[in-house]
Amino acid sequence: MRSFLFTVLALITIPALSQSPIPRIQTANGHHTLLVDDQPFLILGGQANNSSAWPALLPNVWAAAAAMHLNTLDLPVYWEQIEEQPGKFDFSLVDMLLAQARDHNLRLVLLWFGTWKNGSNHYMPVWMKRNPQKYPNIT
């Protein structure tokens, strides 16, 4: 249930940016319906590989989503892609993901990989990895 609610909240991202109605759960007669663009929405979703949101890999991701007839795709976003230098944020990758998802008629759930995932700090910015005195690895 928790992941379902996260998915519903994440589906807000694209419609909110495109001025569409905010997705919501409608309850009537004890039944719950996810509404997206004010219409019932059944998530036919897939999750891309954790390392697949790099621009060179995306054509294969979109093709796989189309082959599976998905309407929703979970894609990772890594901290190292957003803040390559301390305090300098670049959301062009997220902008590109949103634009390409729209081009492929897909909804997105963005999975944020910050400092740690699966016990490793692979996705944190290099500038943090190179300064373990200031950003120690605590296990």
N, C-alpha and C. Protein backbone atom coordinates (compact mmCIF):
# COMPACT_ATOMS: atom_id res chain seq x y z
N MET A 1 0.83 -1.20 0.00
CA MET A 1 0.00 0.00 0.00
C MET A 1 0.87 1.25 0.00
N ARG A 2 1.98 1.19 0.75
CA ARG A 2 2.86 2.35 0.84
C ARG A 2 3.47 2.68 -0.53
N SER A 3 3.92 1.65 -1.24
CA SER A 3 4.50 1.90 -2.56
C SER A 3 3.44 2.38 -3.55
N PHE A 4 2.21 1.88 -3.39
CA PHE A 4 1.12 2.34 -4.25
C PHE A 4 0.87 3.83 -4.03
N LEU A 5 0.84 4.26 -2.77
CA LEU A 5 0.62 5.68 -2.49
C LEU A 5 1.77 6.53 -3.02
N PHE A 6 3.00 6.01 -2.90
CA PHE A 6 4.14 6.74 -3.45
C PHE A 6 3.99 6.89 -4.96
N THR A 7 3.56 5.82 -5.61
CA THR A 7 3.36 5.86 -7.06
C THR A 7 2.32 6.89 -7.43
N VAL A 8 1.23 6.91 -6.70
CA VAL A 8 0.16 7.88 -6.97
C VAL A 8 0.70 9.30 -6.78
N LEU A 9 1.44 9.52 -5.70
CA LEU A 9 1.99 10.86 -5.48
C LEU A 9 2.99 11.24 -6.57
N ALA A 10 3.78 10.28 -6.99
CA ALA A 10 4.77 10.57 -8.03
C ALA A 10 4.10 10.87 -9.37
N LEU A 11 2.94 10.28 -9.61
CA LEU A 11 2.23 10.56 -10.86
C LEU A 11 1.78 12.01 -10.95
N ILE A 12 1.82 12.71 -9.84
CA ILE A 12 1.44 14.13 -9.83
C ILE A 12 2.46 14.95 -10.62
N THR A 13 3.70 14.51 -10.67
CA THR A 13 4.78 15.30 -11.27
C THR A 13 4.46 15.77 -12.67
N ILE A 14 4.18 14.87 -13.57
CA ILE A 14 3.97 15.27 -14.97
C ILE A 14 2.70 16.10 -15.13
N PRO A 15 1.55 15.68 -14.60
CA PRO A 15 0.36 16.51 -14.78
C PRO A 15 0.50 17.90 -14.18
N ALA A 16 1.14 18.00 -13.03
CA ALA A 16 1.28 19.31 -12.40
C ALA A 16 2.10 20.24 -13.29
N LEU A 17 3.10 19.71 -13.96
CA LEU A 17 3.91 20.54 -14.84
C LEU A 17 3.19 20.89 -16.13
N SER A 18 2.23 20.09 -16.53
CA SER A 18 1.55 20.33 -17.79
C SER A 18 0.16 20.95 -17.59
N GLN A 19 -0.15 21.38 -16.39
CA GLN A 19 -1.42 22.03 -16.07
C GLN A 19 -2.61 21.09 -16.15
N SER A 20 -2.40 19.81 -16.08
CA SER A 20 -3.49 18.84 -16.03
C SER A 20 -4.00 18.75 -14.60
N PRO A 21 -5.20 18.20 -14.41
CA PRO A 21 -5.69 18.02 -13.04
C PRO A 21 -4.77 17.10 -12.25
N ILE A 22 -4.67 17.33 -10.97
CA ILE A 22 -3.84 16.50 -10.10
C ILE A 22 -4.50 15.13 -9.92
N PRO A 23 -3.74 14.05 -10.12
CA PRO A 23 -4.32 12.72 -9.88
C PRO A 23 -4.83 12.59 -8.45
N ARG A 24 -5.85 11.80 -8.30
CA ARG A 24 -6.43 11.61 -6.96
C ARG A 24 -7.08 10.24 -6.89
N ILE A 25 -7.36 9.82 -5.67
CA ILE A 25 -8.09 8.58 -5.47
C ILE A 25 -9.51 8.95 -5.09
N GLN A 26 -10.43 8.44 -5.85
CA GLN A 26 -11.86 8.68 -5.62
C GLN A 26 -12.44 7.44 -4.94
N THR A 27 -13.23 7.67 -3.90
CA THR A 27 -13.87 6.56 -3.20
C THR A 27 -15.37 6.70 -3.33
N ALA A 28 -16.00 5.63 -3.78
CA ALA A 28 -17.46 5.59 -3.90
C ALA A 28 -17.94 4.17 -3.61
N ASN A 29 -18.91 4.06 -2.73
CA ASN A 29 -19.50 2.76 -2.38
C ASN A 29 -18.44 1.74 -1.95
N GLY A 30 -17.45 2.19 -1.21
CA GLY A 30 -16.42 1.30 -0.71
C GLY A 30 -15.38 0.89 -1.74
N HIS A 31 -15.42 1.46 -2.93
CA HIS A 31 -14.44 1.15 -3.99
C HIS A 31 -13.56 2.37 -4.22
N HIS A 32 -12.30 2.12 -4.50
CA HIS A 32 -11.33 3.18 -4.70
C HIS A 32 -10.85 3.16 -6.15
N THR A 33 -10.79 4.34 -6.75
CA THR A 33 -10.37 4.45 -8.14
C THR A 33 -9.33 5.55 -8.26
N LEU A 34 -8.21 5.23 -8.89
CA LEU A 34 -7.21 6.24 -9.21
C LEU A 34 -7.68 6.99 -10.44
N LEU A 35 -7.77 8.32 -10.30
CA LEU A 35 -8.15 9.17 -11.43
C LEU A 35 -6.93 9.97 -11.88
N VAL A 36 -6.63 9.90 -13.15
CA VAL A 36 -5.58 10.69 -13.77
C VAL A 36 -6.23 11.41 -14.94
N ASP A 37 -6.04 12.71 -15.01
CA ASP A 37 -6.74 13.55 -15.99
C ASP A 37 -8.26 13.35 -15.86
N ASP A 38 -8.71 13.20 -14.63
CA ASP A 38 -10.13 13.01 -14.29
C ASP A 38 -10.75 11.76 -14.91
N GLN A 39 -9.93 10.78 -15.28
CA GLN A 39 -10.40 9.52 -15.83
C GLN A 39 -9.81 8.37 -15.02
N PRO A 40 -10.54 7.26 -14.87
CA PRO A 40 -9.96 6.09 -14.19
C PRO A 40 -8.66 5.69 -14.89
N PHE A 41 -7.66 5.36 -14.08
CA PHE A 41 -6.33 5.06 -14.61
C PHE A 41 -5.81 3.77 -13.99
N LEU A 42 -5.58 2.77 -14.81
CA LEU A 42 -4.96 1.53 -14.38
C LEU A 42 -3.48 1.61 -14.72
N ILE A 43 -2.63 1.54 -13.70
CA ILE A 43 -1.20 1.63 -13.93
C ILE A 43 -0.72 0.32 -14.55
N LEU A 44 -0.21 0.42 -15.75
CA LEU A 44 0.47 -0.68 -16.41
C LEU A 44 1.94 -0.28 -16.42
N GLY A 45 2.61 -0.58 -15.33
CA GLY A 45 3.92 -0.01 -15.10
C GLY A 45 5.07 -0.98 -15.16
N GLY A 46 6.23 -0.41 -15.39
CA GLY A 46 7.47 -1.15 -15.37
C GLY A 46 8.54 -0.31 -14.74
N GLN A 47 9.57 -0.97 -14.25
CA GLN A 47 10.69 -0.26 -13.64
C GLN A 47 11.94 -0.52 -14.46
N ALA A 48 12.58 0.57 -14.86
CA ALA A 48 13.82 0.44 -15.62
C ALA A 48 14.95 0.04 -14.68
N ASN A 49 16.00 -0.51 -15.24
CA ASN A 49 17.19 -0.87 -14.49
C ASN A 49 17.72 0.34 -13.73
N ASN A 50 18.32 0.12 -12.59
CA ASN A 50 18.82 1.22 -11.76
C ASN A 50 19.80 2.13 -12.47
N SER A 51 20.48 1.64 -13.47
CA SER A 51 21.49 2.45 -14.16
C SER A 51 21.06 2.79 -15.59
N SER A 52 19.76 2.89 -15.83
CA SER A 52 19.28 3.06 -17.20
C SER A 52 18.83 4.48 -17.54
N ALA A 53 18.91 5.41 -16.62
CA ALA A 53 18.43 6.76 -16.92
C ALA A 53 19.55 7.67 -17.44
N TRP A 54 20.57 7.09 -18.00
CA TRP A 54 21.60 7.88 -18.67
C TRP A 54 21.15 8.08 -20.11
N PRO A 55 21.32 9.27 -20.65
CA PRO A 55 20.78 9.58 -21.98
C PRO A 55 21.08 8.54 -23.07
N ALA A 56 22.27 7.98 -23.09
CA ALA A 56 22.62 7.02 -24.14
C ALA A 56 21.81 5.73 -24.05
N LEU A 57 21.30 5.42 -22.87
CA LEU A 57 20.55 4.17 -22.67
C LEU A 57 19.04 4.33 -22.87
N LEU A 58 18.56 5.55 -22.89
CA LEU A 58 17.11 5.78 -22.91
C LEU A 58 16.38 5.27 -24.15
N PRO A 59 16.95 5.33 -25.35
CA PRO A 59 16.20 4.79 -26.48
C PRO A 59 15.76 3.33 -26.27
N ASN A 60 16.62 2.52 -25.67
CA ASN A 60 16.24 1.13 -25.40
C ASN A 60 15.15 1.04 -24.33
N VAL A 61 15.18 1.95 -23.37
CA VAL A 61 14.17 1.96 -22.30
C VAL A 61 12.80 2.29 -22.89
N TRP A 62 12.73 3.32 -23.73
CA TRP A 62 11.45 3.70 -24.34
C TRP A 62 10.94 2.58 -25.25
N ALA A 63 11.83 1.95 -25.98
CA ALA A 63 11.43 0.85 -26.86
C ALA A 63 10.88 -0.33 -26.06
N ALA A 64 11.52 -0.65 -24.95
CA ALA A 64 11.05 -1.75 -24.11
C ALA A 64 9.69 -1.43 -23.51
N ALA A 65 9.49 -0.19 -23.08
CA ALA A 65 8.19 0.22 -22.51
C ALA A 65 7.10 0.10 -23.57
N ALA A 66 7.40 0.50 -24.79
CA ALA A 66 6.42 0.39 -25.87
C ALA A 66 6.12 -1.08 -26.18
N ALA A 67 7.14 -1.91 -26.20
CA ALA A 67 6.95 -3.33 -26.50
C ALA A 67 6.07 -4.01 -25.45
N MET A 68 6.15 -3.52 -24.21
CA MET A 68 5.35 -4.11 -23.13
C MET A 68 4.01 -3.41 -22.95
N HIS A 69 3.74 -2.41 -23.77
CA HIS A 69 2.48 -1.66 -23.72
C HIS A 69 2.27 -1.00 -22.34
N LEU A 70 3.33 -0.42 -21.81
CA LEU A 70 3.25 0.25 -20.51
C LEU A 70 2.64 1.64 -20.68
N ASN A 71 2.03 2.12 -19.60
CA ASN A 71 1.58 3.51 -19.58
C ASN A 71 2.31 4.30 -18.49
N THR A 72 3.09 3.62 -17.67
CA THR A 72 3.82 4.24 -16.56
C THR A 72 5.18 3.56 -16.45
N LEU A 73 6.20 4.37 -16.20
CA LEU A 73 7.55 3.84 -16.10
C LEU A 73 8.25 4.47 -14.90
N ASP A 74 8.88 3.61 -14.07
CA ASP A 74 9.73 4.08 -12.97
C ASP A 74 11.13 4.27 -13.53
N LEU A 75 11.67 5.47 -13.36
CA LEU A 75 13.03 5.76 -13.83
C LEU A 75 13.84 6.36 -12.69
N PRO A 76 15.11 5.96 -12.57
CA PRO A 76 15.95 6.51 -11.51
C PRO A 76 16.51 7.88 -11.87
N VAL A 77 16.69 8.68 -10.85
CA VAL A 77 17.41 9.95 -10.97
C VAL A 77 18.46 9.93 -9.86
N TYR A 78 19.69 10.23 -10.22
CA TYR A 78 20.80 10.11 -9.29
C TYR A 78 21.28 11.49 -8.85
N TRP A 79 21.61 11.60 -7.58
CA TRP A 79 22.10 12.86 -7.05
C TRP A 79 23.30 13.35 -7.85
N GLU A 80 24.19 12.44 -8.24
CA GLU A 80 25.39 12.85 -8.98
C GLU A 80 25.05 13.50 -10.32
N GLN A 81 23.88 13.22 -10.87
CA GLN A 81 23.48 13.83 -12.13
C GLN A 81 22.92 15.24 -11.92
N ILE A 82 22.40 15.50 -10.74
CA ILE A 82 21.72 16.76 -10.46
C ILE A 82 22.66 17.82 -9.89
N GLU A 83 23.61 17.39 -9.06
CA GLU A 83 24.51 18.34 -8.40
C GLU A 83 25.96 17.89 -8.60
N GLU A 84 26.47 18.08 -9.80
CA GLU A 84 27.84 17.65 -10.10
C GLU A 84 28.87 18.48 -9.36
N GLN A 85 28.52 19.72 -9.03
CA GLN A 85 29.37 20.59 -8.25
C GLN A 85 28.57 21.08 -7.06
N PRO A 86 29.22 21.28 -5.92
CA PRO A 86 28.47 21.70 -4.71
C PRO A 86 27.64 22.96 -4.94
N GLY A 87 26.35 22.85 -4.69
CA GLY A 87 25.46 24.00 -4.78
C GLY A 87 25.06 24.41 -6.18
N LYS A 88 25.51 23.69 -7.19
CA LYS A 88 25.15 23.99 -8.58
C LYS A 88 24.27 22.87 -9.11
N PHE A 89 23.00 23.17 -9.24
CA PHE A 89 22.02 22.16 -9.60
C PHE A 89 21.66 22.26 -11.08
N ASP A 90 21.56 21.10 -11.70
CA ASP A 90 21.22 21.03 -13.11
C ASP A 90 20.12 19.97 -13.28
N PHE A 91 18.92 20.42 -13.56
CA PHE A 91 17.79 19.51 -13.70
C PHE A 91 17.49 19.21 -15.17
N SER A 92 18.46 19.43 -16.05
CA SER A 92 18.21 19.18 -17.47
C SER A 92 17.90 17.71 -17.75
N LEU A 93 18.49 16.80 -16.98
CA LEU A 93 18.18 15.38 -17.17
C LEU A 93 16.71 15.11 -16.84
N VAL A 94 16.23 15.67 -15.74
CA VAL A 94 14.81 15.48 -15.37
C VAL A 94 13.92 16.10 -16.43
N ASP A 95 14.28 17.29 -16.91
CA ASP A 95 13.51 17.93 -17.98
C ASP A 95 13.46 17.03 -19.22
N MET A 96 14.61 16.43 -19.56
CA MET A 96 14.67 15.55 -20.71
C MET A 96 13.81 14.30 -20.50
N LEU A 97 13.87 13.71 -19.29
CA LEU A 97 13.04 12.54 -18.99
C LEU A 97 11.56 12.86 -19.14
N LEU A 98 11.15 14.00 -18.62
CA LEU A 98 9.74 14.40 -18.72
C LEU A 98 9.33 14.60 -20.17
N ALA A 99 10.18 15.29 -20.93
CA ALA A 99 9.85 15.54 -22.34
C ALA A 99 9.77 14.24 -23.13
N GLN A 100 10.74 13.35 -22.93
CA GLN A 100 10.73 12.11 -23.67
C GLN A 100 9.58 11.20 -23.23
N ALA A 101 9.24 11.22 -21.95
CA ALA A 101 8.09 10.44 -21.49
C ALA A 101 6.82 10.94 -22.16
N ARG A 102 6.67 12.26 -22.26
CA ARG A 102 5.51 12.81 -22.96
C ARG A 102 5.50 12.39 -24.42
N ASP A 103 6.68 12.43 -25.06
CA ASP A 103 6.78 12.01 -26.47
C ASP A 103 6.36 10.56 -26.66
N HIS A 104 6.56 9.74 -25.63
CA HIS A 104 6.21 8.32 -25.71
C HIS A 104 4.89 8.01 -25.00
N ASN A 105 4.16 9.06 -24.62
CA ASN A 105 2.84 8.93 -23.99
C ASN A 105 2.91 8.06 -22.72
N LEU A 106 3.92 8.33 -21.91
CA LEU A 106 4.11 7.59 -20.66
C LEU A 106 4.05 8.53 -19.46
N ARG A 107 3.56 8.01 -18.36
CA ARG A 107 3.65 8.68 -17.06
C ARG A 107 4.94 8.21 -16.42
N LEU A 108 5.53 9.05 -15.56
CA LEU A 108 6.76 8.69 -14.88
C LEU A 108 6.60 8.66 -13.38
N VAL A 109 7.30 7.74 -12.77
CA VAL A 109 7.56 7.75 -11.34
C VAL A 109 9.07 7.91 -11.24
N LEU A 110 9.51 9.01 -10.67
CA LEU A 110 10.95 9.26 -10.56
C LEU A 110 11.45 8.68 -9.25
N LEU A 111 12.44 7.80 -9.34
CA LEU A 111 13.04 7.18 -8.17
C LEU A 111 14.32 7.94 -7.84
N TRP A 112 14.35 8.55 -6.66
CA TRP A 112 15.49 9.36 -6.26
C TRP A 112 16.53 8.50 -5.57
N PHE A 113 17.74 8.47 -6.14
CA PHE A 113 18.85 7.79 -5.51
C PHE A 113 19.79 8.86 -4.98
N GLY A 114 19.78 9.03 -3.68
CA GLY A 114 20.61 10.04 -3.05
C GLY A 114 21.96 9.49 -2.65
N THR A 115 22.22 9.45 -1.34
CA THR A 115 23.55 9.06 -0.89
C THR A 115 23.78 7.56 -0.93
N TRP A 116 22.83 6.78 -0.46
CA TRP A 116 23.05 5.34 -0.32
C TRP A 116 21.94 4.55 -0.98
N LYS A 117 22.34 3.43 -1.58
CA LYS A 117 21.38 2.48 -2.13
C LYS A 117 22.02 1.11 -2.09
N ASN A 118 21.32 0.15 -1.55
CA ASN A 118 21.82 -1.22 -1.43
C ASN A 118 23.19 -1.28 -0.75
N GLY A 119 23.37 -0.45 0.25
CA GLY A 119 24.60 -0.49 1.04
C GLY A 119 25.81 0.16 0.38
N SER A 120 25.62 0.86 -0.72
CA SER A 120 26.74 1.51 -1.40
C SER A 120 26.40 2.96 -1.73
N ASN A 121 27.45 3.75 -1.83
CA ASN A 121 27.25 5.17 -2.13
C ASN A 121 27.54 5.50 -3.59
N HIS A 122 27.11 4.64 -4.49
CA HIS A 122 27.41 4.80 -5.91
C HIS A 122 26.86 6.09 -6.51
N TYR A 123 25.73 6.57 -6.06
CA TYR A 123 25.03 7.63 -6.77
C TYR A 123 25.21 9.01 -6.16
N MET A 124 25.99 9.12 -5.11
CA MET A 124 26.27 10.44 -4.55
C MET A 124 27.31 11.14 -5.41
N PRO A 125 27.34 12.47 -5.38
CA PRO A 125 28.27 13.22 -6.24
C PRO A 125 29.74 12.86 -5.95
N VAL A 126 30.55 12.93 -6.99
CA VAL A 126 31.98 12.62 -6.87
C VAL A 126 32.65 13.54 -5.86
N TRP A 127 32.26 14.81 -5.82
CA TRP A 127 32.88 15.75 -4.90
C TRP A 127 32.67 15.34 -3.44
N MET A 128 31.62 14.61 -3.16
CA MET A 128 31.42 14.09 -1.80
C MET A 128 32.27 12.84 -1.57
N LYS A 129 32.34 11.98 -2.58
CA LYS A 129 33.14 10.75 -2.45
C LYS A 129 34.62 11.09 -2.24
N ARG A 130 35.07 12.18 -2.82
CA ARG A 130 36.48 12.56 -2.73
C ARG A 130 36.83 13.29 -1.43
N ASN A 131 35.85 13.53 -0.59
CA ASN A 131 36.10 14.24 0.66
C ASN A 131 35.50 13.45 1.83
N PRO A 132 36.09 12.27 2.13
CA PRO A 132 35.53 11.44 3.21
C PRO A 132 35.67 12.06 4.60
N GLN A 133 36.58 13.03 4.76
CA GLN A 133 36.69 13.69 6.06
C GLN A 133 35.42 14.50 6.34
N LYS A 134 34.93 15.20 5.34
CA LYS A 134 33.72 16.01 5.51
C LYS A 134 32.45 15.16 5.36
N TYR A 135 32.50 14.16 4.48
CA TYR A 135 31.34 13.30 4.20
C TYR A 135 31.72 11.84 4.45
N PRO A 136 31.85 11.46 5.71
CA PRO A 136 32.32 10.10 6.02
C PRO A 136 31.29 9.03 5.65
N ASN A 137 31.82 7.86 5.29
CA ASN A 137 30.98 6.69 5.06
C ASN A 137 30.73 6.04 6.41
N ILE A 138 29.48 5.99 6.79
CA ILE A 138 29.12 5.38 8.07
C ILE A 138 28.35 4.13 7.76
N THR A 139 28.89 3.00 8.20
CA THR A 139 28.21 1.73 7.93
C THR A 139 27.75 1.07 9.20
